[in-house]
Amino acid sequence: MQYEVLTLLSQSNLNKQRFFLIKYIPIRVREEEEQMEKKKTTIVLFSGDYDKVMAAYIIANGAAAYDHEVTIFHTFWGLNALRKDEPIQVNKSFIEKMFGKMMPRGPEKMGLSKMNMAGMGPKMIKDIMKKHNTMPVSDLIEMAKEQDVKLVACQMTVDLLGFKQDEIIDGVEFAGVAAYLADAEDGNVNLFI
């Protein structure tokens, strides 16, 4: 069995010799303790507004940086953050095609929740973000993927809105609400955005 030195418990000086009492614990036990201490953050991303998607990904990246396991469950309009920018040739019904044309392709084409101003709001906020060296949402999504944030697309909503898996960026899992609830059950932080 492998052991790891955890702490130095005491030190005494007896006849000019130092004795150390060192606590040893099996590595397996230490790993189990670390696993139990792992924090979990889950986010339901319902909104398709640029600023709200940005907030969700800033929180997710921050939590991942603090060593949380993070899941973002994208549903309804939040799925647009996961759409590829370019059109993909897939077989769709008339209604599915209409949904696809009405919704933004990817996060950089989303509007703002407030002060959208017929599309000028997003351009203005992106200019301000650029001046302040703030990452755009598309870069925040890539950062989240690099930090092993689990990106999940709600399968029911994907089907309902007529999206095809080929239209969604790489690195996304497809699952239902039961999978989200399983993650959220152990969550220390659960957010709905």
C-alpha atoms as a PDB file:
ATOM      1  CA  MET A   1       0.000   0.000   0.000  1.00  0.00           C
ATOM      2  CA  GLN A   2       1.334   3.466  -0.849  1.00  0.00           C
ATOM      3  CA  TYR A   3       1.393   6.167   1.809  1.00  0.00           C
ATOM      4  CA  GLU A   4       1.649   9.900   1.745  1.00  0.00           C
ATOM      5  CA  VAL A   5       2.979  12.196   4.460  1.00  0.00           C
ATOM      6  CA  LEU A   6       0.048  14.405   5.383  1.00  0.00           C
ATOM      7  CA  THR A   7       1.136  16.529   8.337  1.00  0.00           C
ATOM      8  CA  LEU A   8       3.859  17.016  10.867  1.00  0.00           C
ATOM      9  CA  LEU A   9       2.012  16.549  14.149  1.00  0.00           C
ATOM     10  CA  SER A  10       4.637  17.258  16.765  1.00  0.00           C
ATOM     11  CA  GLN A  11       8.301  17.828  17.386  1.00  0.00           C
ATOM     12  CA  SER A  12      10.228  17.380  20.620  1.00  0.00           C
ATOM     13  CA  ASN A  13      13.808  17.887  21.715  1.00  0.00           C
ATOM     14  CA  LEU A  14      15.040  14.980  23.860  1.00  0.00           C
ATOM     15  CA  ASN A  15      18.791  14.543  24.513  1.00  0.00           C
ATOM     16  CA  LYS A  16      19.633  16.820  21.584  1.00  0.00           C
ATOM     17  CA  GLN A  17      17.832  14.526  19.184  1.00  0.00           C
ATOM     18  CA  ARG A  18      14.720  15.542  17.406  1.00  0.00           C
ATOM     19  CA  PHE A  19      11.881  13.125  17.056  1.00  0.00           C
ATOM     20  CA  PHE A  20       9.151  13.714  14.567  1.00  0.00           C
ATOM     21  CA  LEU A  21       5.757  12.173  14.728  1.00  0.00           C
ATOM     22  CA  ILE A  22       4.462  12.049  11.213  1.00  0.00           C
ATOM     23  CA  LYS A  23       0.955  11.034  10.307  1.00  0.00           C
ATOM     24  CA  TYR A  24       0.763   8.689   7.351  1.00  0.00           C
ATOM     25  CA  ILE A  25      -2.435   8.004   5.504  1.00  0.00           C
ATOM     26  CA  PRO A  26      -3.055   5.705   2.579  1.00  0.00           C
ATOM     27  CA  ILE A  27      -3.124   7.614  -0.733  1.00  0.00           C
ATOM     28  CA  ARG A  28      -6.452   5.977  -1.558  1.00  0.00           C
ATOM     29  CA  VAL A  29      -8.033   7.532   1.540  1.00  0.00           C
ATOM     30  CA  ARG A  30      -6.625  10.963   0.626  1.00  0.00           C
ATOM     31  CA  GLU A  31      -8.064  10.682  -2.894  1.00  0.00           C
ATOM     32  CA  GLU A  32     -11.475   9.769  -1.465  1.00  0.00           C
ATOM     33  CA  GLU A  33     -11.339  12.791   0.852  1.00  0.00           C
ATOM     34  CA  GLU A  34     -10.465  15.080  -2.074  1.00  0.00           C
ATOM     35  CA  GLN A  35     -13.302  13.618  -4.129  1.00  0.00           C
ATOM     36  CA  MET A  36     -15.757  14.287  -1.307  1.00  0.00           C
ATOM     37  CA  GLU A  37     -14.536  17.888  -1.065  1.00  0.00           C
ATOM     38  CA  LYS A  38     -14.950  18.568  -4.804  1.00  0.00           C
ATOM     39  CA  LYS A  39     -17.516  21.303  -5.321  1.00  0.00           C
ATOM     40  CA  LYS A  40     -20.046  21.178  -8.105  1.00  0.00           C
ATOM     41  CA  THR A  41     -21.685  24.059  -9.976  1.00  0.00           C
ATOM     42  CA  THR A  42     -24.568  23.636 -12.396  1.00  0.00           C
ATOM     43  CA  ILE A  43     -26.108  26.281 -14.625  1.00  0.00           C
ATOM     44  CA  VAL A  44     -29.319  26.036 -16.635  1.00  0.00           C
ATOM     45  CA  LEU A  45     -28.821  28.413 -19.559  1.00  0.00           C
ATOM     46  CA  PHE A  46     -32.334  29.201 -20.808  1.00  0.00           C
ATOM     47  CA  SER A  47     -31.690  32.705 -22.146  1.00  0.00           C
ATOM     48  CA  GLY A  48     -30.511  33.479 -25.638  1.00  0.00           C
ATOM     49  CA  ASP A  49     -29.416  37.019 -24.748  1.00  0.00           C
ATOM     50  CA  TYR A  50     -25.746  37.820 -25.305  1.00  0.00           C
ATOM     51  CA  ASP A  51     -25.228  39.473 -21.918  1.00  0.00           C
ATOM     52  CA  LYS A  52     -26.886  36.623 -20.000  1.00  0.00           C
ATOM     53  CA  VAL A  53     -24.951  33.972 -21.915  1.00  0.00           C
ATOM     54  CA  MET A  54     -21.782  35.928 -21.183  1.00  0.00           C
ATOM     55  CA  ALA A  55     -22.628  36.026 -17.461  1.00  0.00           C
ATOM     56  CA  ALA A  56     -23.251  32.264 -17.446  1.00  0.00           C
ATOM     57  CA  TYR A  57     -19.877  31.541 -19.044  1.00  0.00           C
ATOM     58  CA  ILE A  58     -17.996  33.990 -16.813  1.00  0.00           C
ATOM     59  CA  ILE A  59     -19.474  32.239 -13.766  1.00  0.00           C
ATOM     60  CA  ALA A  60     -18.727  28.797 -15.245  1.00  0.00           C
ATOM     61  CA  ASN A  61     -15.101  29.669 -16.016  1.00  0.00           C
ATOM     62  CA  GLY A  62     -14.651  31.239 -12.593  1.00  0.00           C
ATOM     63  CA  ALA A  63     -16.064  28.167 -10.861  1.00  0.00           C
ATOM     64  CA  ALA A  64     -13.873  25.865 -12.964  1.00  0.00           C
ATOM     65  CA  ALA A  65     -10.831  27.975 -12.049  1.00  0.00           C
ATOM     66  CA  TYR A  66     -11.739  27.348  -8.396  1.00  0.00           C
ATOM     67  CA  ASP A  67     -11.717  23.619  -9.127  1.00  0.00           C
ATOM     68  CA  HIS A  68     -15.479  23.120  -9.274  1.00  0.00           C
ATOM     69  CA  GLU A  69     -16.985  20.501 -11.536  1.00  0.00           C
ATOM     70  CA  VAL A  70     -19.172  22.636 -13.792  1.00  0.00           C
ATOM     71  CA  THR A  71     -22.123  21.692 -15.996  1.00  0.00           C
ATOM     72  CA  ILE A  72     -23.994  24.117 -18.236  1.00  0.00           C
ATOM     73  CA  PHE A  73     -27.331  22.700 -19.389  1.00  0.00           C
ATOM     74  CA  HIS A  74     -28.424  24.652 -22.497  1.00  0.00           C
ATOM     75  CA  THR A  75     -32.137  24.626 -23.160  1.00  0.00           C
ATOM     76  CA  PHE A  76     -34.528  26.596 -25.379  1.00  0.00           C
ATOM     77  CA  TRP A  77     -32.931  29.899 -26.460  1.00  0.00           C
ATOM     78  CA  GLY A  78     -29.703  29.103 -24.630  1.00  0.00           C
ATOM     79  CA  LEU A  79     -29.043  26.468 -27.296  1.00  0.00           C
ATOM     80  CA  ASN A  80     -28.223  29.266 -29.743  1.00  0.00           C
ATOM     81  CA  ALA A  81     -24.919  29.762 -27.903  1.00  0.00           C
ATOM     82  CA  LEU A  82     -23.938  26.274 -29.091  1.00  0.00           C
ATOM     83  CA  ARG A  83     -24.926  26.699 -32.733  1.00  0.00           C
ATOM     84  CA  LYS A  84     -22.185  26.761 -35.337  1.00  0.00           C
ATOM     85  CA  ASP A  85     -21.789  30.129 -37.061  1.00  0.00           C
ATOM     86  CA  GLU A  86     -21.965  28.769 -40.586  1.00  0.00           C
ATOM     87  CA  PRO A  87     -25.033  27.086 -42.093  1.00  0.00           C
ATOM     88  CA  ILE A  88     -24.828  23.298 -42.240  1.00  0.00           C
ATOM     89  CA  GLN A  89     -26.639  21.325 -44.921  1.00  0.00           C
ATOM     90  CA  VAL A  90     -29.070  19.054 -43.076  1.00  0.00           C
ATOM     91  CA  ASN A  91     -32.467  17.633 -43.913  1.00  0.00           C
ATOM     92  CA  LYS A  92     -35.210  19.652 -42.169  1.00  0.00           C
ATOM     93  CA  SER A  93     -38.933  20.174 -42.363  1.00  0.00           C
ATOM     94  CA  PHE A  94     -40.342  23.576 -43.360  1.00  0.00           C
ATOM     95  CA  ILE A  95     -41.027  24.548 -39.720  1.00  0.00           C
ATOM     96  CA  GLU A  96     -37.542  23.434 -38.627  1.00  0.00           C
ATOM     97  CA  LYS A  97     -36.015  25.550 -41.401  1.00  0.00           C
ATOM     98  CA  MET A  98     -38.055  28.562 -40.260  1.00  0.00           C
ATOM     99  CA  PHE A  99     -36.901  28.144 -36.641  1.00  0.00           C
ATOM    100  CA  GLY A 100     -33.323  27.898 -37.891  1.00  0.00           C
ATOM    101  CA  LYS A 101     -33.618  31.129 -39.883  1.00  0.00           C
ATOM    102  CA  MET A 102     -35.284  33.083 -37.067  1.00  0.00           C
ATOM    103  CA  MET A 103     -32.700  32.248 -34.414  1.00  0.00           C
ATOM    104  CA  PRO A 104     -29.121  33.525 -34.220  1.00  0.00           C
ATOM    105  CA  ARG A 105     -26.291  31.269 -35.338  1.00  0.00           C
ATOM    106  CA  GLY A 106     -23.826  31.246 -32.474  1.00  0.00           C
ATOM    107  CA  PRO A 107     -23.301  33.565 -29.533  1.00  0.00           C
ATOM    108  CA  GLU A 108     -21.829  36.508 -31.428  1.00  0.00           C
ATOM    109  CA  LYS A 109     -25.094  37.038 -33.311  1.00  0.00           C
ATOM    110  CA  MET A 110     -27.285  37.194 -30.197  1.00  0.00           C
ATOM    111  CA  GLY A 111     -29.033  40.354 -29.067  1.00  0.00           C
ATOM    112  CA  LEU A 112     -28.899  41.980 -25.641  1.00  0.00           C
ATOM    113  CA  SER A 113     -31.546  41.541 -22.952  1.00  0.00           C
ATOM    114  CA  LYS A 114     -31.789  45.334 -22.515  1.00  0.00           C
ATOM    115  CA  MET A 115     -30.926  48.229 -24.830  1.00  0.00           C
ATOM    116  CA  ASN A 116     -30.716  46.050 -27.931  1.00  0.00           C
ATOM    117  CA  MET A 117     -31.621  49.154 -29.993  1.00  0.00           C
ATOM    118  CA  ALA A 118     -32.465  47.325 -33.220  1.00  0.00           C
ATOM    119  CA  GLY A 119     -29.132  45.515 -33.174  1.00  0.00           C
ATOM    120  CA  MET A 120     -26.902  48.486 -32.329  1.00  0.00           C
ATOM    121  CA  GLY A 121     -26.670  47.505 -28.642  1.00  0.00           C
ATOM    122  CA  PRO A 122     -24.625  44.339 -29.209  1.00  0.00           C
ATOM    123  CA  LYS A 123     -22.197  46.206 -31.484  1.00  0.00           C
ATOM    124  CA  MET A 124     -21.757  48.959 -28.901  1.00  0.00           C
ATOM    125  CA  ILE A 125     -21.205  46.548 -26.002  1.00  0.00           C
ATOM    126  CA  LYS A 126     -18.721  44.504 -28.060  1.00  0.00           C
ATOM    127  CA  ASP A 127     -16.762  47.685 -28.878  1.00  0.00           C
ATOM    128  CA  ILE A 128     -16.643  48.558 -25.164  1.00  0.00           C
ATOM    129  CA  MET A 129     -15.604  44.989 -24.327  1.00  0.00           C
ATOM    130  CA  LYS A 130     -12.797  45.165 -26.886  1.00  0.00           C
ATOM    131  CA  LYS A 131     -11.497  48.426 -25.371  1.00  0.00           C
ATOM    132  CA  HIS A 132     -11.437  46.771 -21.944  1.00  0.00           C
ATOM    133  CA  ASN A 133      -9.828  43.547 -23.239  1.00  0.00           C
ATOM    134  CA  THR A 134     -12.884  41.503 -22.297  1.00  0.00           C
ATOM    135  CA  MET A 135     -13.268  38.157 -24.030  1.00  0.00           C
ATOM    136  CA  PRO A 136     -16.248  37.697 -26.349  1.00  0.00           C
ATOM    137  CA  VAL A 137     -18.675  34.895 -25.539  1.00  0.00           C
ATOM    138  CA  SER A 138     -17.282  32.622 -28.251  1.00  0.00           C
ATOM    139  CA  ASP A 139     -13.858  32.772 -26.552  1.00  0.00           C
ATOM    140  CA  LEU A 140     -15.440  32.206 -23.118  1.00  0.00           C
ATOM    141  CA  ILE A 141     -17.082  29.057 -24.509  1.00  0.00           C
ATOM    142  CA  GLU A 142     -13.715  27.812 -25.812  1.00  0.00           C
ATOM    143  CA  MET A 143     -12.118  28.564 -22.444  1.00  0.00           C
ATOM    144  CA  ALA A 144     -14.874  26.614 -20.695  1.00  0.00           C
ATOM    145  CA  LYS A 145     -14.227  23.625 -22.944  1.00  0.00           C
ATOM    146  CA  GLU A 146     -10.491  23.838 -22.179  1.00  0.00           C
ATOM    147  CA  GLN A 147     -11.316  23.804 -18.448  1.00  0.00           C
ATOM    148  CA  ASP A 148     -13.473  20.682 -18.877  1.00  0.00           C
ATOM    149  CA  VAL A 149     -16.759  22.467 -18.222  1.00  0.00           C
ATOM    150  CA  LYS A 150     -19.435  19.994 -19.269  1.00  0.00           C
ATOM    151  CA  LEU A 151     -21.586  21.559 -21.995  1.00  0.00           C
ATOM    152  CA  VAL A 152     -24.932  19.826 -22.385  1.00  0.00           C
ATOM    153  CA  ALA A 153     -27.623  20.479 -24.991  1.00  0.00           C
ATOM    154  CA  CYS A 154     -31.142  19.561 -23.907  1.00  0.00           C
ATOM    155  CA  GLN A 155     -32.111  16.776 -26.295  1.00  0.00           C
ATOM    156  CA  MET A 156     -35.840  17.509 -26.010  1.00  0.00           C
ATOM    157  CA  THR A 157     -35.312  21.160 -26.984  1.00  0.00           C
ATOM    158  CA  VAL A 158     -32.919  20.217 -29.787  1.00  0.00           C
ATOM    159  CA  ASP A 159     -35.686  18.024 -31.213  1.00  0.00           C
ATOM    160  CA  LEU A 160     -38.431  20.573 -30.525  1.00  0.00           C
ATOM    161  CA  LEU A 161     -36.633  23.439 -32.283  1.00  0.00           C
ATOM    162  CA  GLY A 162     -35.528  21.214 -35.137  1.00  0.00           C
ATOM    163  CA  PHE A 163     -31.791  21.466 -34.571  1.00  0.00           C
ATOM    164  CA  LYS A 164     -29.575  18.660 -35.770  1.00  0.00           C
ATOM    165  CA  GLN A 165     -26.459  17.544 -33.891  1.00  0.00           C
ATOM    166  CA  ASP A 166     -24.309  18.561 -36.875  1.00  0.00           C
ATOM    167  CA  GLU A 167     -25.392  22.189 -36.306  1.00  0.00           C
ATOM    168  CA  ILE A 168     -24.003  22.199 -32.758  1.00  0.00           C
ATOM    169  CA  ILE A 169     -20.341  22.952 -31.952  1.00  0.00           C
ATOM    170  CA  ASP A 170     -18.002  20.089 -31.068  1.00  0.00           C
ATOM    171  CA  GLY A 171     -17.556  18.980 -27.474  1.00  0.00           C
ATOM    172  CA  VAL A 172     -21.230  19.153 -26.498  1.00  0.00           C
ATOM    173  CA  GLU A 173     -23.143  16.294 -24.876  1.00  0.00           C
ATOM    174  CA  PHE A 174     -26.822  15.697 -25.634  1.00  0.00           C
ATOM    175  CA  ALA A 175     -28.969  14.675 -22.685  1.00  0.00           C
ATOM    176  CA  GLY A 176     -32.328  15.159 -21.037  1.00  0.00           C
ATOM    177  CA  VAL A 177     -33.408  16.858 -17.860  1.00  0.00           C
ATOM    178  CA  ALA A 178     -32.746  13.695 -15.817  1.00  0.00           C
ATOM    179  CA  ALA A 179     -29.019  14.016 -16.560  1.00  0.00           C
ATOM    180  CA  TYR A 180     -29.074  17.653 -15.470  1.00  0.00           C
ATOM    181  CA  LEU A 181     -30.937  16.798 -12.266  1.00  0.00           C
ATOM    182  CA  ALA A 182     -28.379  14.102 -11.455  1.00  0.00           C
ATOM    183  CA  ASP A 183     -25.624  16.737 -11.701  1.00  0.00           C
ATOM    184  CA  ALA A 184     -27.643  19.371  -9.836  1.00  0.00           C
ATOM    185  CA  GLU A 185     -28.473  16.997  -6.986  1.00  0.00           C
ATOM    186  CA  ASP A 186     -24.829  17.074  -5.895  1.00  0.00           C
ATOM    187  CA  GLY A 187     -24.400  20.743  -6.758  1.00  0.00           C
ATOM    188  CA  ASN A 188     -23.172  23.293  -4.258  1.00  0.00           C
ATOM    189  CA  VAL A 189     -24.226  26.086  -6.624  1.00  0.00           C
ATOM    190  CA  ASN A 190     -27.204  25.728  -8.988  1.00  0.00           C
ATOM    191  CA  LEU A 191     -28.137  28.689 -11.197  1.00  0.00           C
ATOM    192  CA  PHE A 192     -30.893  29.403 -13.724  1.00  0.00           C
ATOM    193  CA  ILE A 193     -29.995  32.066 -16.276  1.00  0.00           C
END
